[in-house]
Amino acid sequence: MKEIQLRGISKEIKGVTVLKDIDMVLKSGTIYGLRGKNGCGKTMLMRTICGLIIPTKGEVIIEDKVLHKDIAFPQSIGALIENPSFLPQYTGFKNLKMLGSIQGNISHEDIELAMERVGLDSKDTRTYRKYSLGMKQKLGIANAIMGEPDIIVLDEPINALDEESVKMVKEVLIQLRDKGKLIIIACHDKEELEYLSDVIFLMKDGSVVGMEELANENHEAS
């Protein structure tokens, strides 16, 4: 079982506190939702968990290893944070193949499956610059889930997606949760966040000010 512990996490940027005294324990096989207004710290918290920023105070501990001390980044993680960005002159498949080669453990089949799961055609010859906003979002999600990493972090994953695509993404996330993945999502849509999440953390002014555990009737029905 994967476990992430956040102990006393605070972050200051140019004298402004963007995260304040956050303590969390996150476990695999669970979808965690982050709720709060823009600027409340959701994206900054996700960046911290991914190892993209170093906290001013506190520790992120993943499987008893301290981030930025014992490990530089989580060892098995996929993330979509803010707007996805890829090389515009290449196809979606080639973009993912290049990223997969950096990780070293992503197969041709892993990429095809990830694209299929979000409704993209791995054989589509269009370059990324010709993708619609929805297709770009789907490619960002495919990048985060390819190879089924242990930890999946998604910031506003259903932005720019049509109703059918939202349904596909929801089904994929629940399938991955049921495989024991630890998933963290932020979503402005209250109903969708509640549908997906097992636990929701309420954030305000860089702090976690509440937690809600949700029943899984929706998950069972899907």
C-alpha atoms as a PDB file:
ATOM      1  CA  MET A   1       0.000   0.000   0.000  1.00  0.00           C
ATOM      2  CA  LYS A   2       1.276   3.420  -0.976  1.00  0.00           C
ATOM      3  CA  GLU A   3       1.038   6.121   1.663  1.00  0.00           C
ATOM      4  CA  ILE A   4       1.816   9.821   1.483  1.00  0.00           C
ATOM      5  CA  GLN A   5       2.301  11.785   4.692  1.00  0.00           C
ATOM      6  CA  LEU A   6       2.392  15.564   4.786  1.00  0.00           C
ATOM      7  CA  ARG A   7       3.788  16.845   8.062  1.00  0.00           C
ATOM      8  CA  GLY A   8       3.529  20.538   8.860  1.00  0.00           C
ATOM      9  CA  ILE A   9       3.800  21.632   5.238  1.00  0.00           C
ATOM     10  CA  SER A  10       4.123  25.391   4.738  1.00  0.00           C
ATOM     11  CA  LYS A  11       5.300  27.334   1.700  1.00  0.00           C
ATOM     12  CA  GLU A  12       6.165  30.997   1.380  1.00  0.00           C
ATOM     13  CA  ILE A  13       6.759  32.714  -1.958  1.00  0.00           C
ATOM     14  CA  LYS A  14       8.114  36.269  -1.919  1.00  0.00           C
ATOM     15  CA  GLY A  15       6.931  36.721   1.643  1.00  0.00           C
ATOM     16  CA  VAL A  16       3.432  35.424   0.943  1.00  0.00           C
ATOM     17  CA  THR A  17       2.259  32.228   2.671  1.00  0.00           C
ATOM     18  CA  VAL A  18       0.612  30.009   0.051  1.00  0.00           C
ATOM     19  CA  LEU A  19       0.466  26.825   2.155  1.00  0.00           C
ATOM     20  CA  LYS A  20       0.155  26.815   5.927  1.00  0.00           C
ATOM     21  CA  ASP A  21       0.699  23.984   8.416  1.00  0.00           C
ATOM     22  CA  ILE A  22      -0.837  21.182   6.345  1.00  0.00           C
ATOM     23  CA  ASP A  23      -0.968  17.704   7.827  1.00  0.00           C
ATOM     24  CA  MET A  24      -2.399  14.831   5.761  1.00  0.00           C
ATOM     25  CA  VAL A  25      -2.177  11.079   5.433  1.00  0.00           C
ATOM     26  CA  LEU A  26      -3.172   9.788   1.981  1.00  0.00           C
ATOM     27  CA  LYS A  27      -3.529   6.082   1.242  1.00  0.00           C
ATOM     28  CA  SER A  28      -3.702   4.001  -1.930  1.00  0.00           C
ATOM     29  CA  GLY A  29      -7.041   2.765  -3.235  1.00  0.00           C
ATOM     30  CA  THR A  30      -8.599   6.160  -2.547  1.00  0.00           C
ATOM     31  CA  ILE A  31      -9.621   9.188  -4.598  1.00  0.00           C
ATOM     32  CA  TYR A  32      -8.958  12.415  -2.711  1.00  0.00           C
ATOM     33  CA  GLY A  33     -10.647  15.625  -3.832  1.00  0.00           C
ATOM     34  CA  LEU A  34      -9.422  19.144  -3.144  1.00  0.00           C
ATOM     35  CA  ARG A  35     -12.098  21.841  -2.948  1.00  0.00           C
ATOM     36  CA  GLY A  36     -11.685  25.576  -2.576  1.00  0.00           C
ATOM     37  CA  LYS A  37     -11.738  28.874  -4.407  1.00  0.00           C
ATOM     38  CA  ASN A  38      -9.050  29.921  -6.872  1.00  0.00           C
ATOM     39  CA  GLY A  39      -5.899  30.866  -5.003  1.00  0.00           C
ATOM     40  CA  CYS A  40      -6.685  28.727  -1.955  1.00  0.00           C
ATOM     41  CA  GLY A  41      -3.588  26.550  -2.464  1.00  0.00           C
ATOM     42  CA  LYS A  42      -4.927  23.476  -4.275  1.00  0.00           C
ATOM     43  CA  THR A  43      -2.478  23.617  -7.187  1.00  0.00           C
ATOM     44  CA  MET A  44       0.419  24.547  -4.920  1.00  0.00           C
ATOM     45  CA  LEU A  45      -0.348  21.549  -2.714  1.00  0.00           C
ATOM     46  CA  MET A  46      -0.401  19.275  -5.751  1.00  0.00           C
ATOM     47  CA  ARG A  47       2.926  20.676  -6.926  1.00  0.00           C
ATOM     48  CA  THR A  48       4.358  20.010  -3.475  1.00  0.00           C
ATOM     49  CA  ILE A  49       3.216  16.374  -3.473  1.00  0.00           C
ATOM     50  CA  CYS A  50       4.679  15.895  -6.962  1.00  0.00           C
ATOM     51  CA  GLY A  51       8.034  17.255  -5.813  1.00  0.00           C
ATOM     52  CA  LEU A  52       7.860  20.265  -8.136  1.00  0.00           C
ATOM     53  CA  ILE A  53       8.327  22.744  -5.295  1.00  0.00           C
ATOM     54  CA  ILE A  54      10.197  22.444  -2.020  1.00  0.00           C
ATOM     55  CA  PRO A  55       8.208  23.397   1.082  1.00  0.00           C
ATOM     56  CA  THR A  56       9.539  26.172   3.287  1.00  0.00           C
ATOM     57  CA  LYS A  57       8.723  24.037   6.333  1.00  0.00           C
ATOM     58  CA  GLY A  58       7.618  20.466   6.869  1.00  0.00           C
ATOM     59  CA  GLU A  59       8.115  17.161   5.081  1.00  0.00           C
ATOM     60  CA  VAL A  60       6.439  15.073   2.416  1.00  0.00           C
ATOM     61  CA  ILE A  61       7.024  11.387   3.154  1.00  0.00           C
ATOM     62  CA  ILE A  62       6.233   8.732   0.550  1.00  0.00           C
ATOM     63  CA  GLU A  63       6.654   5.117   1.631  1.00  0.00           C
ATOM     64  CA  ASP A  64       8.972   6.204   4.479  1.00  0.00           C
ATOM     65  CA  LYS A  65      11.155   8.242   2.093  1.00  0.00           C
ATOM     66  CA  VAL A  66      11.412  12.001   2.557  1.00  0.00           C
ATOM     67  CA  LEU A  67      10.889  13.987  -0.633  1.00  0.00           C
ATOM     68  CA  HIS A  68      13.907  16.145  -1.598  1.00  0.00           C
ATOM     69  CA  LYS A  69      16.023  14.274   0.940  1.00  0.00           C
ATOM     70  CA  ASP A  70      15.806  10.532   0.241  1.00  0.00           C
ATOM     71  CA  ILE A  71      14.190  10.912  -3.198  1.00  0.00           C
ATOM     72  CA  ALA A  72      14.014  13.810  -5.681  1.00  0.00           C
ATOM     73  CA  PHE A  73      10.537  12.901  -6.945  1.00  0.00           C
ATOM     74  CA  PRO A  74       7.909  10.274  -6.132  1.00  0.00           C
ATOM     75  CA  GLN A  75       9.054   7.035  -7.770  1.00  0.00           C
ATOM     76  CA  SER A  76       5.753   6.191  -9.510  1.00  0.00           C
ATOM     77  CA  ILE A  77       3.607   9.221 -10.280  1.00  0.00           C
ATOM     78  CA  GLY A  78       1.616  10.705 -13.137  1.00  0.00           C
ATOM     79  CA  ALA A  79       0.373  14.270 -13.065  1.00  0.00           C
ATOM     80  CA  LEU A  80      -1.643  16.854 -14.965  1.00  0.00           C
ATOM     81  CA  ILE A  81      -1.230  20.219 -13.302  1.00  0.00           C
ATOM     82  CA  GLU A  82      -2.659  23.352 -14.905  1.00  0.00           C
ATOM     83  CA  ASN A  83      -2.693  23.417 -18.702  1.00  0.00           C
ATOM     84  CA  PRO A  84      -1.130  20.451 -20.534  1.00  0.00           C
ATOM     85  CA  SER A  85       1.813  21.335 -22.752  1.00  0.00           C
ATOM     86  CA  PHE A  86       3.342  19.185 -25.482  1.00  0.00           C
ATOM     87  CA  LEU A  87       5.531  19.657 -28.553  1.00  0.00           C
ATOM     88  CA  PRO A  88       3.220  21.114 -31.227  1.00  0.00           C
ATOM     89  CA  GLN A  89       4.943  19.549 -34.249  1.00  0.00           C
ATOM     90  CA  TYR A  90       4.439  15.935 -33.130  1.00  0.00           C
ATOM     91  CA  THR A  91       1.403  13.664 -32.907  1.00  0.00           C
ATOM     92  CA  GLY A  92      -0.147  12.832 -29.570  1.00  0.00           C
ATOM     93  CA  PHE A  93       1.320   9.342 -29.675  1.00  0.00           C
ATOM     94  CA  LYS A  94       4.837  10.595 -30.426  1.00  0.00           C
ATOM     95  CA  ASN A  95       4.627  13.141 -27.612  1.00  0.00           C
ATOM     96  CA  LEU A  96       3.678  10.404 -25.146  1.00  0.00           C
ATOM     97  CA  LYS A  97       6.319   8.070 -26.545  1.00  0.00           C
ATOM     98  CA  MET A  98       9.038  10.651 -25.932  1.00  0.00           C
ATOM     99  CA  LEU A  99       7.809  11.248 -22.394  1.00  0.00           C
ATOM    100  CA  GLY A 100       7.529   7.508 -21.801  1.00  0.00           C
ATOM    101  CA  SER A 101      11.117   6.984 -22.954  1.00  0.00           C
ATOM    102  CA  ILE A 102      12.273   9.383 -20.239  1.00  0.00           C
ATOM    103  CA  GLN A 103      10.536   7.261 -17.613  1.00  0.00           C
ATOM    104  CA  GLY A 104      11.989   4.135 -19.187  1.00  0.00           C
ATOM    105  CA  ASN A 105       9.195   1.763 -18.189  1.00  0.00           C
ATOM    106  CA  ILE A 106       6.350   2.782 -20.539  1.00  0.00           C
ATOM    107  CA  SER A 107       5.619   0.418 -23.413  1.00  0.00           C
ATOM    108  CA  HIS A 108       4.057   1.056 -26.811  1.00  0.00           C
ATOM    109  CA  GLU A 109       0.976  -0.808 -25.550  1.00  0.00           C
ATOM    110  CA  ASP A 110       0.817   1.330 -22.382  1.00  0.00           C
ATOM    111  CA  ILE A 111       0.582   4.473 -24.516  1.00  0.00           C
ATOM    112  CA  GLU A 112      -2.035   3.020 -26.842  1.00  0.00           C
ATOM    113  CA  LEU A 113      -4.153   1.909 -23.887  1.00  0.00           C
ATOM    114  CA  ALA A 114      -3.905   5.263 -22.109  1.00  0.00           C
ATOM    115  CA  MET A 115      -4.978   7.132 -25.246  1.00  0.00           C
ATOM    116  CA  GLU A 116      -7.826   4.709 -25.907  1.00  0.00           C
ATOM    117  CA  ARG A 117      -9.099   5.056 -22.338  1.00  0.00           C
ATOM    118  CA  VAL A 118      -9.593   8.793 -22.739  1.00  0.00           C
ATOM    119  CA  GLY A 119     -11.043   8.582 -26.254  1.00  0.00           C
ATOM    120  CA  LEU A 120      -7.991   9.383 -28.389  1.00  0.00           C
ATOM    121  CA  ASP A 121      -6.790   7.434 -31.414  1.00  0.00           C
ATOM    122  CA  SER A 122      -3.118   6.515 -31.073  1.00  0.00           C
ATOM    123  CA  LYS A 123      -2.881   6.293 -34.879  1.00  0.00           C
ATOM    124  CA  ASP A 124      -4.234   9.817 -35.452  1.00  0.00           C
ATOM    125  CA  THR A 125      -1.704  11.589 -37.712  1.00  0.00           C
ATOM    126  CA  ARG A 126      -2.720  15.098 -36.652  1.00  0.00           C
ATOM    127  CA  THR A 127      -0.039  17.014 -34.808  1.00  0.00           C
ATOM    128  CA  TYR A 128      -0.666  18.433 -31.352  1.00  0.00           C
ATOM    129  CA  ARG A 129      -1.007  21.967 -32.754  1.00  0.00           C
ATOM    130  CA  LYS A 130      -4.117  20.792 -34.619  1.00  0.00           C
ATOM    131  CA  TYR A 131      -5.728  19.310 -31.529  1.00  0.00           C
ATOM    132  CA  SER A 132      -8.866  20.880 -30.087  1.00  0.00           C
ATOM    133  CA  LEU A 133      -8.822  22.056 -26.458  1.00  0.00           C
ATOM    134  CA  GLY A 134     -10.642  18.891 -25.437  1.00  0.00           C
ATOM    135  CA  MET A 135      -8.130  16.662 -27.237  1.00  0.00           C
ATOM    136  CA  LYS A 136      -5.234  18.498 -25.590  1.00  0.00           C
ATOM    137  CA  GLN A 137      -6.838  17.923 -22.197  1.00  0.00           C
ATOM    138  CA  LYS A 138      -7.330  14.234 -22.972  1.00  0.00           C
ATOM    139  CA  LEU A 139      -3.680  13.885 -23.975  1.00  0.00           C
ATOM    140  CA  GLY A 140      -2.657  15.448 -20.667  1.00  0.00           C
ATOM    141  CA  ILE A 141      -4.769  12.907 -18.803  1.00  0.00           C
ATOM    142  CA  ALA A 142      -3.398  10.050 -20.937  1.00  0.00           C
ATOM    143  CA  ASN A 143       0.117  11.176 -20.040  1.00  0.00           C
ATOM    144  CA  ALA A 144      -0.764  11.096 -16.331  1.00  0.00           C
ATOM    145  CA  ILE A 145      -2.295   7.606 -16.392  1.00  0.00           C
ATOM    146  CA  MET A 146      -0.067   5.781 -18.919  1.00  0.00           C
ATOM    147  CA  GLY A 147       1.623   2.824 -17.302  1.00  0.00           C
ATOM    148  CA  GLU A 148      -0.816   3.111 -14.378  1.00  0.00           C
ATOM    149  CA  PRO A 149       1.493   4.814 -11.846  1.00  0.00           C
ATOM    150  CA  ASP A 150       0.887   4.324  -8.132  1.00  0.00           C
ATOM    151  CA  ILE A 151       0.077   8.023  -7.602  1.00  0.00           C
ATOM    152  CA  ILE A 152      -2.041  10.088 -10.002  1.00  0.00           C
ATOM    153  CA  VAL A 153      -2.471  13.840  -9.535  1.00  0.00           C
ATOM    154  CA  LEU A 154      -4.976  15.709 -11.722  1.00  0.00           C
ATOM    155  CA  ASP A 155      -5.699  19.435 -11.577  1.00  0.00           C
ATOM    156  CA  GLU A 156      -9.088  20.204 -13.181  1.00  0.00           C
ATOM    157  CA  PRO A 157      -9.064  17.042 -15.335  1.00  0.00           C
ATOM    158  CA  ILE A 158     -12.497  17.558 -16.918  1.00  0.00           C
ATOM    159  CA  ASN A 159     -11.876  21.082 -18.175  1.00  0.00           C
ATOM    160  CA  ALA A 160     -12.860  21.491 -21.867  1.00  0.00           C
ATOM    161  CA  LEU A 161     -14.268  17.945 -22.071  1.00  0.00           C
ATOM    162  CA  ASP A 162     -17.682  17.103 -23.483  1.00  0.00           C
ATOM    163  CA  GLU A 163     -20.183  15.022 -21.545  1.00  0.00           C
ATOM    164  CA  GLU A 164     -19.147  11.704 -23.095  1.00  0.00           C
ATOM    165  CA  SER A 165     -15.455  12.379 -22.464  1.00  0.00           C
ATOM    166  CA  VAL A 166     -16.166  13.334 -18.843  1.00  0.00           C
ATOM    167  CA  LYS A 167     -17.946  10.003 -18.402  1.00  0.00           C
ATOM    168  CA  MET A 168     -14.939   8.116 -19.837  1.00  0.00           C
ATOM    169  CA  VAL A 169     -12.483   9.900 -17.551  1.00  0.00           C
ATOM    170  CA  LYS A 170     -14.649   9.253 -14.503  1.00  0.00           C
ATOM    171  CA  GLU A 171     -14.843   5.548 -15.340  1.00  0.00           C
ATOM    172  CA  VAL A 172     -11.064   5.330 -15.830  1.00  0.00           C
ATOM    173  CA  LEU A 173     -10.314   7.044 -12.515  1.00  0.00           C
ATOM    174  CA  ILE A 174     -12.642   4.740 -10.607  1.00  0.00           C
ATOM    175  CA  GLN A 175     -11.103   1.706 -12.326  1.00  0.00           C
ATOM    176  CA  LEU A 176      -7.630   2.899 -11.329  1.00  0.00           C
ATOM    177  CA  ARG A 177      -8.784   3.566  -7.766  1.00  0.00           C
ATOM    178  CA  ASP A 178     -10.124   0.014  -7.622  1.00  0.00           C
ATOM    179  CA  LYS A 179      -6.693  -1.242  -8.744  1.00  0.00           C
ATOM    180  CA  GLY A 180      -5.199   0.388  -5.650  1.00  0.00           C
ATOM    181  CA  LYS A 181      -3.969   3.676  -7.083  1.00  0.00           C
ATOM    182  CA  LEU A 182      -3.769   6.796  -4.938  1.00  0.00           C
ATOM    183  CA  ILE A 183      -5.535   9.586  -6.832  1.00  0.00           C
ATOM    184  CA  ILE A 184      -5.690  13.295  -6.019  1.00  0.00           C
ATOM    185  CA  ILE A 185      -7.952  15.598  -8.010  1.00  0.00           C
ATOM    186  CA  ALA A 186      -9.042  19.223  -7.937  1.00  0.00           C
ATOM    187  CA  CYS A 187     -12.250  20.161  -9.716  1.00  0.00           C
ATOM    188  CA  HIS A 188     -14.376  23.313  -9.741  1.00  0.00           C
ATOM    189  CA  ASP A 189     -17.509  21.280 -10.421  1.00  0.00           C
ATOM    190  CA  LYS A 190     -18.860  20.420  -6.955  1.00  0.00           C
ATOM    191  CA  GLU A 191     -21.080  17.569  -8.159  1.00  0.00           C
ATOM    192  CA  GLU A 192     -18.336  15.904 -10.198  1.00  0.00           C
ATOM    193  CA  LEU A 193     -15.847  16.223  -7.350  1.00  0.00           C
ATOM    194  CA  GLU A 194     -18.309  14.601  -4.957  1.00  0.00           C
ATOM    195  CA  TYR A 195     -19.118  11.868  -7.494  1.00  0.00           C
ATOM    196  CA  LEU A 196     -15.463  10.902  -7.862  1.00  0.00           C
ATOM    197  CA  SER A 197     -14.019  11.424  -4.411  1.00  0.00           C
ATOM    198  CA  ASP A 198     -13.876   9.117  -1.424  1.00  0.00           C
ATOM    199  CA  VAL A 199     -12.533  11.951   0.726  1.00  0.00           C
ATOM    200  CA  ILE A 200     -12.672  15.706   0.090  1.00  0.00           C
ATOM    201  CA  PHE A 201     -10.341  18.217   1.745  1.00  0.00           C
ATOM    202  CA  LEU A 202     -11.664  21.774   1.947  1.00  0.00           C
ATOM    203  CA  MET A 203      -8.949  24.380   1.470  1.00  0.00           C
ATOM    204  CA  LYS A 204      -8.982  28.063   2.302  1.00  0.00           C
ATOM    205  CA  ASP A 205      -6.125  30.590   2.325  1.00  0.00           C
ATOM    206  CA  GLY A 206      -3.481  27.882   2.007  1.00  0.00           C
ATOM    207  CA  SER A 207      -4.829  25.747   4.843  1.00  0.00           C
ATOM    208  CA  VAL A 208      -6.917  22.601   5.056  1.00  0.00           C
ATOM    209  CA  VAL A 209      -9.975  23.702   7.013  1.00  0.00           C
ATOM    210  CA  GLY A 210     -12.177  20.641   6.735  1.00  0.00           C
ATOM    211  CA  MET A 211     -12.496  17.053   5.555  1.00  0.00           C
ATOM    212  CA  GLU A 212     -15.506  15.126   4.289  1.00  0.00           C
ATOM    213  CA  GLU A 213     -15.699  11.367   3.822  1.00  0.00           C
ATOM    214  CA  LEU A 214     -18.160  10.321   1.141  1.00  0.00           C
ATOM    215  CA  ALA A 215     -20.095   7.138   0.563  1.00  0.00           C
ATOM    216  CA  ASN A 216     -19.258   5.228  -2.622  1.00  0.00           C
ATOM    217  CA  GLU A 217     -22.711   4.522  -4.051  1.00  0.00           C
ATOM    218  CA  ASN A 218     -21.769   6.304  -7.265  1.00  0.00           C
ATOM    219  CA  HIS A 219     -18.612   4.246  -7.610  1.00  0.00           C
ATOM    220  CA  GLU A 220     -20.479   1.007  -7.107  1.00  0.00           C
ATOM    221  CA  ALA A 221     -23.038   1.985  -9.729  1.00  0.00           C
ATOM    222  CA  SER A 222     -20.359   2.642 -12.341  1.00  0.00           C
END
